[in-house]
Every structure is written in C-alpha cells, then in structure tokens.
PDB file of N, CA and C in Angstrom:
ATOM      1  N   MET A   1     -85.326-143.764 -39.303  1.00  0.00           N
ATOM      2  CA  MET A   1     -86.739-144.075 -40.384  1.00  0.00           C
ATOM      3  C   MET A   1     -86.255-145.272 -40.763  1.00  0.00           C
ATOM      4  N   PRO A   2     -87.358-146.178 -41.134  1.00  0.00           N
ATOM      5  CA  PRO A   2     -87.314-147.619 -41.334  1.00  0.00           C
ATOM      6  C   PRO A   2     -87.481-147.739 -42.816  1.00  0.00           C
ATOM      7  N   LYS A   3     -86.356-148.444 -43.420  1.00  0.00           N
ATOM      8  CA  LYS A   3     -86.030-148.605 -44.636  1.00  0.00           C
ATOM      9  C   LYS A   3     -87.050-149.422 -45.534  1.00  0.00           C
ATOM     10  N   SER A   4     -87.717-148.655 -46.535  1.00  0.00           N
ATOM     11  CA  SER A   4     -88.883-149.585 -47.250  1.00  0.00           C
ATOM     12  C   SER A   4     -88.371-150.333 -48.342  1.00  0.00           C
ATOM     13  N   SER A   5     -89.070-151.185 -48.862  1.00  0.00           N
ATOM     14  CA  SER A   5     -88.579-152.179 -49.708  1.00  0.00           C
ATOM     15  C   SER A   5     -88.253-151.497 -51.138  1.00  0.00           C
ATOM     16  N   ASN A   6     -88.710-150.334 -51.374  1.00  0.00           N
ATOM     17  CA  ASN A   6     -88.592-149.713 -52.650  1.00  0.00           C
ATOM     18  C   ASN A   6     -87.445-148.588 -52.646  1.00  0.00           C
ATOM     19  N   THR A   7     -86.916-148.336 -51.330  1.00  0.00           N
ATOM     20  CA  THR A   7     -85.982-147.239 -51.185  1.00  0.00           C
ATOM     21  C   THR A   7     -84.391-147.749 -51.781  1.00  0.00           C
ATOM     22  N   ILE A   8     -83.907-146.861 -52.450  1.00  0.00           N
ATOM     23  CA  ILE A   8     -82.740-147.375 -52.877  1.00  0.00           C
ATOM     24  C   ILE A   8     -81.662-146.487 -52.221  1.00  0.00           C
ATOM     25  N   THR A   9     -80.914-147.029 -51.217  1.00  0.00           N
ATOM     26  CA  THR A   9     -80.194-146.520 -50.524  1.00  0.00           C
ATOM     27  C   THR A   9     -78.467-145.900 -50.934  1.00  0.00           C
ATOM     28  N   THR A  10     -78.001-146.946 -51.914  1.00  0.00           N
ATOM     29  CA  THR A  10     -76.791-146.308 -52.413  1.00  0.00           C
ATOM     30  C   THR A  10     -76.806-146.261 -53.757  1.00  0.00           C
ATOM     31  N   ALA A  11     -75.525-145.651 -54.484  1.00  0.00           N
ATOM     32  CA  ALA A  11     -75.174-145.696 -55.862  1.00  0.00           C
ATOM     33  C   ALA A  11     -74.999-146.842 -56.275  1.00  0.00           C
ATOM     34  N   GLU A  12     -74.406-147.866 -55.690  1.00  0.00           N
ATOM     35  CA  GLU A  12     -74.590-149.374 -56.091  1.00  0.00           C
ATOM     36  C   GLU A  12     -75.878-150.048 -56.204  1.00  0.00           C
ATOM     37  N   ASP A  13     -76.694-149.636 -55.095  1.00  0.00           N
ATOM     38  CA  ASP A  13     -77.978-150.400 -55.503  1.00  0.00           C
ATOM     39  C   ASP A  13     -78.771-149.819 -56.618  1.00  0.00           C
ATOM     40  N   MET A  14     -78.606-148.329 -56.849  1.00  0.00           N
ATOM     41  CA  MET A  14     -79.122-147.831 -58.032  1.00  0.00           C
ATOM     42  C   MET A  14     -78.796-148.570 -59.429  1.00  0.00           C
ATOM     43  N   LEU A  15     -77.571-148.221 -59.275  1.00  0.00           N
ATOM     44  CA  LEU A  15     -77.007-149.213 -60.704  1.00  0.00           C
ATOM     45  C   LEU A  15     -77.391-150.413 -60.799  1.00  0.00           C
ATOM     46  N   LYS A  16     -77.510-151.190 -59.497  1.00  0.00           N
ATOM     47  CA  LYS A  16     -77.948-152.622 -59.836  1.00  0.00           C
ATOM     48  C   LYS A  16     -79.457-152.825 -60.327  1.00  0.00           C
ATOM     49  N   ARG A  17     -80.059-151.786 -59.921  1.00  0.00           N
ATOM     50  CA  ARG A  17     -81.713-151.588 -60.290  1.00  0.00           C
ATOM     51  C   ARG A  17     -81.849-150.957 -61.868  1.00  0.00           C
ATOM     52  N   ILE A  18     -81.139-150.315 -62.180  1.00  0.00           N
ATOM     53  CA  ILE A  18     -81.014-149.744 -63.424  1.00  0.00           C
ATOM     54  C   ILE A  18     -80.873-151.117 -64.521  1.00  0.00           C
ATOM     55  N   LEU A  19     -79.764-151.419 -63.949  1.00  0.00           N
ATOM     56  CA  LEU A  19     -79.231-152.899 -64.833  1.00  0.00           C
ATOM     57  C   LEU A  19     -80.009-154.058 -64.821  1.00  0.00           C
ATOM     58  N   HIS A  20     -80.844-154.257 -63.736  1.00  0.00           N
ATOM     59  CA  HIS A  20     -82.081-155.087 -63.960  1.00  0.00           C
ATOM     60  C   HIS A  20     -83.158-154.617 -64.875  1.00  0.00           C
ATOM     61  N   LEU A  21     -83.416-153.433 -64.464  1.00  0.00           N
ATOM     62  CA  LEU A  21     -84.486-152.718 -65.629  1.00  0.00           C
ATOM     63  C   LEU A  21     -84.037-152.991 -66.912  1.00  0.00           C
ATOM     64  N   LEU A  22     -83.058-152.585 -67.280  1.00  0.00           N
ATOM     65  CA  LEU A  22     -82.481-152.710 -68.638  1.00  0.00           C
ATOM     66  C   LEU A  22     -82.461-154.145 -69.157  1.00  0.00           C
ATOM     67  N   GLU A  23     -82.186-154.868 -68.282  1.00  0.00           N
ATOM     68  CA  GLU A  23     -82.086-156.272 -69.080  1.00  0.00           C
ATOM     69  C   GLU A  23     -83.482-156.978 -69.109  1.00  0.00           C
ATOM     70  N   GLU A  24     -84.671-156.484 -67.902  1.00  0.00           N
ATOM     71  CA  GLU A  24     -86.000-156.922 -68.196  1.00  0.00           C
ATOM     72  C   GLU A  24     -86.255-156.148 -69.583  1.00  0.00           C
ATOM     73  N   SER A  25     -86.066-154.995 -69.789  1.00  0.00           N
ATOM     74  CA  SER A  25     -86.499-154.367 -70.737  1.00  0.00           C
ATOM     75  C   SER A  25     -85.979-155.090 -71.954  1.00  0.00           C
ATOM     76  N   GLN A  26     -84.907-155.283 -72.030  1.00  0.00           N
ATOM     77  CA  GLN A  26     -84.133-156.164 -73.440  1.00  0.00           C
ATOM     78  C   GLN A  26     -84.706-157.510 -73.321  1.00  0.00           C
ATOM     79  N   GLU A  27     -85.269-158.410 -72.514  1.00  0.00           N
ATOM     80  CA  GLU A  27     -85.920-159.319 -72.554  1.00  0.00           C
ATOM     81  C   GLU A  27     -87.355-159.502 -73.137  1.00  0.00           C
ATOM     82  N   ARG A  28     -87.872-158.287 -72.736  1.00  0.00           N
ATOM     83  CA  ARG A  28     -89.285-158.053 -73.378  1.00  0.00           C
ATOM     84  C   ARG A  28     -89.473-157.814 -74.825  1.00  0.00           C
ATOM     85  N   SER A  29     -88.233-156.763 -75.148  1.00  0.00           N
ATOM     86  CA  SER A  29     -88.404-156.328 -76.450  1.00  0.00           C
ATOM     87  C   SER A  29     -87.862-157.379 -77.518  1.00  0.00           C
ATOM     88  N   THR A  30     -86.995-158.322 -76.715  1.00  0.00           N
ATOM     89  CA  THR A  30     -86.430-159.419 -78.098  1.00  0.00           C
ATOM     90  C   THR A  30     -87.539-160.637 -77.839  1.00  0.00           C
ATOM     91  N   SER A  31     -88.285-160.756 -76.809  1.00  0.00           N
ATOM     92  CA  SER A  31     -89.405-161.944 -76.637  1.00  0.00           C
ATOM     93  C   SER A  31     -90.527-161.576 -77.634  1.00  0.00           C
ATOM     94  N   GLY A  32     -90.832-160.452 -77.947  1.00  0.00           N
ATOM     95  CA  GLY A  32     -91.885-159.957 -78.836  1.00  0.00           C
ATOM     96  C   GLY A  32     -93.398-159.834 -77.718  1.00  0.00           C
ATOM     97  N   ASN A  33     -93.337-159.430 -76.651  1.00  0.00           N
ATOM     98  CA  ASN A  33     -94.242-159.253 -75.748  1.00  0.00           C
ATOM     99  C   ASN A  33     -95.233-158.262 -75.963  1.00  0.00           C
ATOM    100  N   GLY A  34     -94.863-157.440 -76.985  1.00  0.00           N
ATOM    101  CA  GLY A  34     -95.700-156.216 -77.293  1.00  0.00           C
ATOM    102  C   GLY A  34     -94.959-154.974 -76.928  1.00  0.00           C
ATOM    103  N   THR A  35     -93.626-154.976 -76.390  1.00  0.00           N
ATOM    104  CA  THR A  35     -93.104-153.978 -76.482  1.00  0.00           C
ATOM    105  C   THR A  35     -92.784-153.027 -77.593  1.00  0.00           C
ATOM    106  N   SER A  36     -92.777-151.811 -77.565  1.00  0.00           N
ATOM    107  CA  SER A  36     -92.846-151.013 -78.723  1.00  0.00           C
ATOM    108  C   SER A  36     -91.332-150.761 -78.884  1.00  0.00           C
ATOM    109  N   ASP A  37     -91.152-150.457 -80.565  1.00  0.00           N
ATOM    110  CA  ASP A  37     -89.394-150.295 -80.887  1.00  0.00           C
ATOM    111  C   ASP A  37     -89.011-149.020 -80.226  1.00  0.00           C
ATOM    112  N   GLU A  38     -89.830-147.882 -79.883  1.00  0.00           N
ATOM    113  CA  GLU A  38     -89.400-146.989 -78.739  1.00  0.00           C
ATOM    114  C   GLU A  38     -88.559-147.576 -77.599  1.00  0.00           C
ATOM    115  N   CYS A  39     -89.007-148.689 -77.320  1.00  0.00           N
ATOM    116  CA  CYS A  39     -88.153-148.939 -75.961  1.00  0.00           C
ATOM    117  C   CYS A  39     -86.999-149.954 -76.311  1.00  0.00           C
ATOM    118  N   ARG A  40     -87.137-150.484 -77.430  1.00  0.00           N
ATOM    119  CA  ARG A  40     -85.905-151.387 -77.975  1.00  0.00           C
ATOM    120  C   ARG A  40     -84.767-150.904 -77.257  1.00  0.00           C
ATOM    121  N   ILE A  41     -83.899-152.051 -76.728  1.00  0.00           N
ATOM    122  CA  ILE A  41     -82.648-151.632 -76.353  1.00  0.00           C
ATOM    123  C   ILE A  41     -81.626-152.897 -76.938  1.00  0.00           C
ATOM    124  N   TYR A  42     -80.630-152.197 -77.570  1.00  0.00           N
ATOM    125  CA  TYR A  42     -79.734-153.051 -78.169  1.00  0.00           C
ATOM    126  C   TYR A  42     -78.223-153.111 -77.387  1.00  0.00           C
ATOM    127  N   THR A  43     -77.606-154.148 -77.487  1.00  0.00           N
ATOM    128  CA  THR A  43     -76.520-154.419 -77.001  1.00  0.00           C
ATOM    129  C   THR A  43     -75.401-154.015 -78.311  1.00  0.00           C
ATOM    130  N   ASN A  44     -74.134-154.008 -77.855  1.00  0.00           N
ATOM    131  CA  ASN A  44     -73.130-154.002 -78.847  1.00  0.00           C
ATOM    132  C   ASN A  44     -73.314-154.768 -80.029  1.00  0.00           C
ATOM    133  N   LYS A  45     -73.398-156.349 -79.550  1.00  0.00           N
ATOM    134  CA  LYS A  45     -73.474-156.899 -80.520  1.00  0.00           C
ATOM    135  C   LYS A  45     -74.635-156.902 -81.340  1.00  0.00           C
ATOM    136  N   GLU A  46     -75.833-156.831 -80.825  1.00  0.00           N
ATOM    137  CA  GLU A  46     -77.035-156.773 -81.616  1.00  0.00           C
ATOM    138  C   GLU A  46     -77.069-155.048 -82.457  1.00  0.00           C
ATOM    139  N   LEU A  47     -76.413-154.372 -82.102  1.00  0.00           N
ATOM    140  CA  LEU A  47     -76.153-152.870 -83.093  1.00  0.00           C
ATOM    141  C   LEU A  47     -75.384-153.064 -83.860  1.00  0.00           C
ATOM    142  N   MET A  48     -74.468-153.867 -83.763  1.00  0.00           N
ATOM    143  CA  MET A  48     -73.210-154.166 -84.946  1.00  0.00           C
ATOM    144  C   MET A  48     -73.788-155.089 -85.977  1.00  0.00           C
ATOM    145  N   LYS A  49     -74.795-155.708 -85.503  1.00  0.00           N
ATOM    146  CA  LYS A  49     -75.396-156.543 -86.540  1.00  0.00           C
ATOM    147  C   LYS A  49     -76.465-155.721 -87.389  1.00  0.00           C
ATOM    148  N   LEU A  50     -77.267-154.965 -86.634  1.00  0.00           N
ATOM    149  CA  LEU A  50     -78.085-154.024 -87.247  1.00  0.00           C
ATOM    150  C   LEU A  50     -77.471-153.139 -88.240  1.00  0.00           C
ATOM    151  N   LEU A  51     -76.424-152.412 -87.833  1.00  0.00           N
ATOM    152  CA  LEU A  51     -75.911-151.519 -88.533  1.00  0.00           C
ATOM    153  C   LEU A  51     -74.907-152.009 -89.849  1.00  0.00           C
ATOM    154  N   GLY A  52     -74.233-153.182 -89.757  1.00  0.00           N
ATOM    155  CA  GLY A  52     -73.377-153.884 -90.346  1.00  0.00           C
ATOM    156  C   GLY A  52     -72.047-153.403 -90.192  1.00  0.00           C
ATOM    157  N   VAL A  53     -71.656-153.159 -88.970  1.00  0.00           N
ATOM    158  CA  VAL A  53     -70.365-152.555 -88.428  1.00  0.00           C
ATOM    159  C   VAL A  53     -69.466-153.123 -87.487  1.00  0.00           C
ATOM    160  N   GLU A  54     -68.515-153.075 -87.362  1.00  0.00           N
ATOM    161  CA  GLU A  54     -67.617-153.519 -86.312  1.00  0.00           C
ATOM    162  C   GLU A  54     -67.502-153.029 -85.037  1.00  0.00           C
ATOM    163  N   SER A  55     -67.120-153.667 -84.199  1.00  0.00           N
ATOM    164  CA  SER A  55     -67.179-152.930 -82.713  1.00  0.00           C
ATOM    165  C   SER A  55     -66.260-151.776 -82.437  1.00  0.00           C
ATOM    166  N   ARG A  56     -64.988-151.440 -83.063  1.00  0.00           N
ATOM    167  CA  ARG A  56     -64.341-150.640 -83.233  1.00  0.00           C
ATOM    168  C   ARG A  56     -64.891-149.322 -83.956  1.00  0.00           C
ATOM    169  N   TYR A  57     -65.748-149.586 -84.968  1.00  0.00           N
ATOM    170  CA  TYR A  57     -66.518-148.239 -85.374  1.00  0.00           C
ATOM    171  C   TYR A  57     -67.566-147.848 -84.316  1.00  0.00           C
ATOM    172  N   LEU A  58     -68.317-148.665 -83.496  1.00  0.00           N
ATOM    173  CA  LEU A  58     -69.302-148.195 -82.744  1.00  0.00           C
ATOM    174  C   LEU A  58     -68.424-147.634 -81.432  1.00  0.00           C
ATOM    175  N   LYS A  59     -67.308-148.005 -81.244  1.00  0.00           N
ATOM    176  CA  LYS A  59     -66.356-147.455 -80.270  1.00  0.00           C
ATOM    177  C   LYS A  59     -65.972-145.670 -80.760  1.00  0.00           C
ATOM    178  N   ASN A  60     -65.768-145.708 -81.763  1.00  0.00           N
ATOM    179  CA  ASN A  60     -65.500-144.308 -82.460  1.00  0.00           C
ATOM    180  C   ASN A  60     -66.689-143.564 -82.498  1.00  0.00           C
ATOM    181  N   LEU A  61     -67.597-143.984 -82.657  1.00  0.00           N
ATOM    182  CA  LEU A  61     -68.928-143.255 -82.701  1.00  0.00           C
ATOM    183  C   LEU A  61     -69.141-142.718 -81.061  1.00  0.00           C
ATOM    184  N   ARG A  62     -69.008-143.574 -80.407  1.00  0.00           N
ATOM    185  CA  ARG A  62     -69.275-143.415 -78.798  1.00  0.00           C
ATOM    186  C   ARG A  62     -68.308-142.244 -78.496  1.00  0.00           C
ATOM    187  N   ASP A  63     -67.046-142.732 -78.563  1.00  0.00           N
ATOM    188  CA  ASP A  63     -65.991-141.576 -78.137  1.00  0.00           C
ATOM    189  C   ASP A  63     -65.951-140.155 -78.632  1.00  0.00           C
ATOM    190  N   ASN A  64     -66.455-140.251 -80.039  1.00  0.00           N
ATOM    191  CA  ASN A  64     -66.688-138.949 -80.680  1.00  0.00           C
ATOM    192  C   ASN A  64     -68.019-138.249 -80.449  1.00  0.00           C
ATOM    193  N   GLY A  65     -68.833-138.641 -79.555  1.00  0.00           N
ATOM    194  CA  GLY A  65     -70.040-138.280 -79.226  1.00  0.00           C
ATOM    195  C   GLY A  65     -71.147-138.169 -80.369  1.00  0.00           C
ATOM    196  N   TYR A  66     -71.191-139.183 -81.190  1.00  0.00           N
ATOM    197  CA  TYR A  66     -71.908-139.078 -82.328  1.00  0.00           C
ATOM    198  C   TYR A  66     -73.248-140.339 -81.887  1.00  0.00           C
ATOM    199  N   LEU A  67     -72.918-141.091 -81.085  1.00  0.00           N
ATOM    200  CA  LEU A  67     -74.031-141.955 -80.756  1.00  0.00           C
ATOM    201  C   LEU A  67     -74.184-142.154 -79.272  1.00  0.00           C
ATOM    202  N   SER A  68     -75.296-141.492 -78.729  1.00  0.00           N
ATOM    203  CA  SER A  68     -75.582-141.781 -77.274  1.00  0.00           C
ATOM    204  C   SER A  68     -75.599-142.991 -76.785  1.00  0.00           C
ATOM    205  N   TYR A  69     -75.253-143.571 -75.385  1.00  0.00           N
ATOM    206  CA  TYR A  69     -75.350-144.701 -74.724  1.00  0.00           C
ATOM    207  C   TYR A  69     -75.474-144.850 -73.471  1.00  0.00           C
ATOM    208  N   SER A  70     -75.663-146.173 -72.856  1.00  0.00           N
ATOM    209  CA  SER A  70     -75.725-146.285 -71.276  1.00  0.00           C
ATOM    210  C   SER A  70     -74.524-147.171 -71.394  1.00  0.00           C
ATOM    211  N   ARG A  71     -74.072-147.171 -69.949  1.00  0.00           N
ATOM    212  CA  ARG A  71     -72.989-147.857 -69.729  1.00  0.00           C
ATOM    213  C   ARG A  71     -73.219-148.365 -68.437  1.00  0.00           C
ATOM    214  N   HIS A  72     -72.825-149.715 -67.847  1.00  0.00           N
ATOM    215  CA  HIS A  72     -72.671-150.233 -66.911  1.00  0.00           C
ATOM    216  C   HIS A  72     -71.316-151.126 -66.554  1.00  0.00           C
ATOM    217  N   GLY A  73     -70.353-150.826 -66.075  1.00  0.00           N
ATOM    218  CA  GLY A  73     -69.281-151.965 -66.276  1.00  0.00           C
ATOM    219  C   GLY A  73     -68.581-151.623 -67.592  1.00  0.00           C
ATOM    220  N   ASP A  74     -68.307-152.874 -68.382  1.00  0.00           N
ATOM    221  CA  ASP A  74     -68.091-153.205 -69.834  1.00  0.00           C
ATOM    222  C   ASP A  74     -69.076-153.343 -70.493  1.00  0.00           C
ATOM    223  N   LYS A  75     -70.479-152.928 -70.089  1.00  0.00           N
ATOM    224  CA  LYS A  75     -71.658-153.595 -71.101  1.00  0.00           C
ATOM    225  C   LYS A  75     -72.149-151.941 -71.560  1.00  0.00           C
ATOM    226  N   PHE A  76     -72.416-151.917 -72.720  1.00  0.00           N
ATOM    227  CA  PHE A  76     -73.097-150.745 -73.281  1.00  0.00           C
ATOM    228  C   PHE A  76     -74.298-151.054 -74.021  1.00  0.00           C
ATOM    229  N   TRP A  77     -75.204-150.234 -73.613  1.00  0.00           N
ATOM    230  CA  TRP A  77     -76.597-150.402 -74.199  1.00  0.00           C
ATOM    231  C   TRP A  77     -77.134-149.153 -75.188  1.00  0.00           C
ATOM    232  N   TYR A  78     -77.801-149.403 -76.142  1.00  0.00           N
ATOM    233  CA  TYR A  78     -78.314-148.321 -77.110  1.00  0.00           C
ATOM    234  C   TYR A  78     -79.809-148.424 -76.967  1.00  0.00           C
ATOM    235  N   THR A  79     -80.414-147.066 -77.007  1.00  0.00           N
ATOM    236  CA  THR A  79     -81.999-147.374 -77.060  1.00  0.00           C
ATOM    237  C   THR A  79     -82.128-147.092 -78.383  1.00  0.00           C
ATOM    238  N   GLN A  80     -83.641-147.561 -78.797  1.00  0.00           N
ATOM    239  CA  GLN A  80     -84.009-147.085 -80.352  1.00  0.00           C
ATOM    240  C   GLN A  80     -83.776-145.941 -80.348  1.00  0.00           C
ATOM    241  N   ASN A  81     -84.195-144.917 -79.465  1.00  0.00           N
ATOM    242  CA  ASN A  81     -84.123-143.409 -79.772  1.00  0.00           C
ATOM    243  C   ASN A  81     -82.582-142.849 -80.021  1.00  0.00           C
ATOM    244  N   ASP A  82     -81.724-143.769 -79.238  1.00  0.00           N
ATOM    245  CA  ASP A  82     -80.187-143.418 -79.309  1.00  0.00           C
ATOM    246  C   ASP A  82     -79.981-143.475 -80.951  1.00  0.00           C
ATOM    247  N   VAL A  83     -80.337-144.765 -81.672  1.00  0.00           N
ATOM    248  CA  VAL A  83     -79.816-145.331 -82.993  1.00  0.00           C
ATOM    249  C   VAL A  83     -80.708-144.295 -83.973  1.00  0.00           C
ATOM    250  N   ASP A  84     -81.896-144.109 -83.404  1.00  0.00           N
ATOM    251  CA  ASP A  84     -82.527-142.954 -84.338  1.00  0.00           C
ATOM    252  C   ASP A  84     -82.087-141.522 -84.409  1.00  0.00           C
ATOM    253  N   THR A  85     -81.817-141.198 -83.361  1.00  0.00           N
ATOM    254  CA  THR A  85     -81.243-139.757 -83.469  1.00  0.00           C
ATOM    255  C   THR A  85     -79.737-139.719 -84.051  1.00  0.00           C
ATOM    256  N   PHE A  86     -78.849-140.963 -83.791  1.00  0.00           N
ATOM    257  CA  PHE A  86     -77.745-141.132 -84.630  1.00  0.00           C
ATOM    258  C   PHE A  86     -78.106-140.987 -86.309  1.00  0.00           C
ATOM    259  N   LEU A  87     -78.942-142.003 -86.901  1.00  0.00           N
ATOM    260  CA  LEU A  87     -79.316-142.014 -87.932  1.00  0.00           C
ATOM    261  C   LEU A  87     -79.716-140.587 -88.708  1.00  0.00           C
ATOM    262  N   GLN A  88     -80.577-140.095 -87.927  1.00  0.00           N
ATOM    263  CA  GLN A  88     -81.335-138.996 -88.599  1.00  0.00           C
ATOM    264  C   GLN A  88     -80.122-137.608 -88.648  1.00  0.00           C
ATOM    265  N   ARG A  89     -79.250-137.799 -87.641  1.00  0.00           N
ATOM    266  CA  ARG A  89     -78.131-136.715 -87.659  1.00  0.00           C
ATOM    267  C   ARG A  89     -77.198-136.810 -89.230  1.00  0.00           C
ATOM    268  N   PHE A  90     -77.224-138.079 -89.338  1.00  0.00           N
ATOM    269  CA  PHE A  90     -76.356-138.141 -90.761  1.00  0.00           C
ATOM    270  C   PHE A  90     -77.069-138.692 -92.042  1.00  0.00           C
ATOM    271  N   LYS A  91     -78.260-138.152 -91.848  1.00  0.00           N
ATOM    272  CA  LYS A  91     -79.205-138.488 -92.942  1.00  0.00           C
ATOM    273  C   LYS A  91     -78.996-137.260 -94.049  1.00  0.00           C
ATOM    274  N   TYR A  92     -79.131-137.986 -95.438  1.00  0.00           N
ATOM    275  CA  TYR A  92     -79.098-136.993 -96.423  1.00  0.00           C
ATOM    276  C   TYR A  92     -80.335-137.144 -97.221  1.00  0.00           C
ATOM    277  N   GLU A  93     -80.915-136.126 -97.784  1.00  0.00           N
ATOM    278  CA  GLU A  93     -82.171-136.031 -98.200  1.00  0.00           C
ATOM    279  C   GLU A  93     -81.942-136.531 -99.798  1.00  0.00           C
ATOM    280  N   ALA A  94     -82.457-137.336-100.397  1.00  0.00           N
ATOM    281  CA  ALA A  94     -82.610-137.642-101.923  1.00  0.00           C
ATOM    282  C   ALA A  94     -83.096-136.310-102.485  1.00  0.00           C
ATOM    283  N   PHE A  95     -82.417-136.180-103.674  1.00  0.00           N
ATOM    284  CA  PHE A  95     -82.929-135.096-104.445  1.00  0.00           C
ATOM    285  C   PHE A  95     -83.143-135.980-105.803  1.00  0.00           C
ATOM    286  N   ALA A  96     -83.782-135.208-106.767  1.00  0.00           N
ATOM    287  CA  ALA A  96     -83.859-135.665-108.102  1.00  0.00           C
ATOM    288  C   ALA A  96     -83.665-134.284-109.281  1.00  0.00           C
ATOM    289  N   CYS A  97     -82.995-134.729-110.432  1.00  0.00           N
ATOM    290  CA  CYS A  97     -82.785-133.497-111.205  1.00  0.00           C
ATOM    291  C   CYS A  97     -84.207-133.655-112.422  1.00  0.00           C
ATOM    292  N   GLY A  98     -84.569-132.395-112.521  1.00  0.00           N
ATOM    293  CA  GLY A  98     -85.886-132.136-113.121  1.00  0.00           C
ATOM    294  C   GLY A  98     -85.397-132.089-114.741  1.00  0.00           C
ATOM    295  N   GLY A  99     -86.520-132.238-115.657  1.00  0.00           N
ATOM    296  CA  GLY A  99     -86.370-132.081-117.104  1.00  0.00           C
ATOM    297  C   GLY A  99     -85.552-133.084-117.720  1.00  0.00           C
ATOM    298  N   GLY A 100     -85.297-134.179-116.990  1.00  0.00           N
ATOM    299  CA  GLY A 100     -84.416-135.305-117.694  1.00  0.00           C
ATOM    300  C   GLY A 100     -82.848-135.041-117.803  1.00  0.00           C
ATOM    301  N   ALA A 101     -82.517-133.991-117.143  1.00  0.00           N
ATOM    302  CA  ALA A 101     -81.208-133.546-117.002  1.00  0.00           C
ATOM    303  C   ALA A 101     -80.208-134.652-116.523  1.00  0.00           C
ATOM    304  N   ILE A 102     -79.166-134.461-117.164  1.00  0.00           N
ATOM    305  CA  ILE A 102     -78.133-135.629-116.193  1.00  0.00           C
ATOM    306  C   ILE A 102     -77.512-134.758-115.204  1.00  0.00           C
ATOM    307  N   CYS A 103     -77.448-135.436-114.008  1.00  0.00           N
ATOM    308  CA  CYS A 103     -76.848-135.083-112.945  1.00  0.00           C
ATOM    309  C   CYS A 103     -75.628-135.154-112.459  1.00  0.00           C
TER     310      CYS A 103
END
C-alpha cells in the first residue's frame, strides 16, 4: 500500500506531529491572530507567571492530579481548559452576612 503524505506510520511520527501542532497553536495564540482563549496553550514558564507560582508548585499540582497537562520529553503544556478546570475545582463562592451582622 503506498504511503500518503498524511499517513502517520509510527508513534514517533505521531508525537512529532502533535508537538508541531502544539507549537503552531502556541505561536498563533501568542501572536494575536484571532485564536480564541479556549485554544490558548501555556508553557510552564507562562503558567508560573500567570498564576504567580514557582515551578515546584506546578510540579506538585501535576504529580497530585490537580492540574491536567500534556507532555513531550521534558516539556509541559497546559491548555486554557486545563487551567480553567483547575481554578474551578478550587473556587470558593463569596458570601455576605445579612442585616449588618459581623461575620
């Protein structure tokens, strides 16, 4: 069977393709070419800056299953959906005391 240019033949080819697509997506989202926030992909460095945390904290979140991620080699990526899910999981609703009572 002839190999078409769109056929992925090995796991290594598949990983290379996924990595390429992730990098393209990141470039589009950081260059402001109209990519929606839903498709935003963050690197470790970008997410640390966004959340104001250190790399060790992100590692703990990943290791304990609190923050979803994608990984290729030693690089980690986080989608906007991963970040939103994490933030919603630990969200506390504001409440107000009624009648001027001290809470």
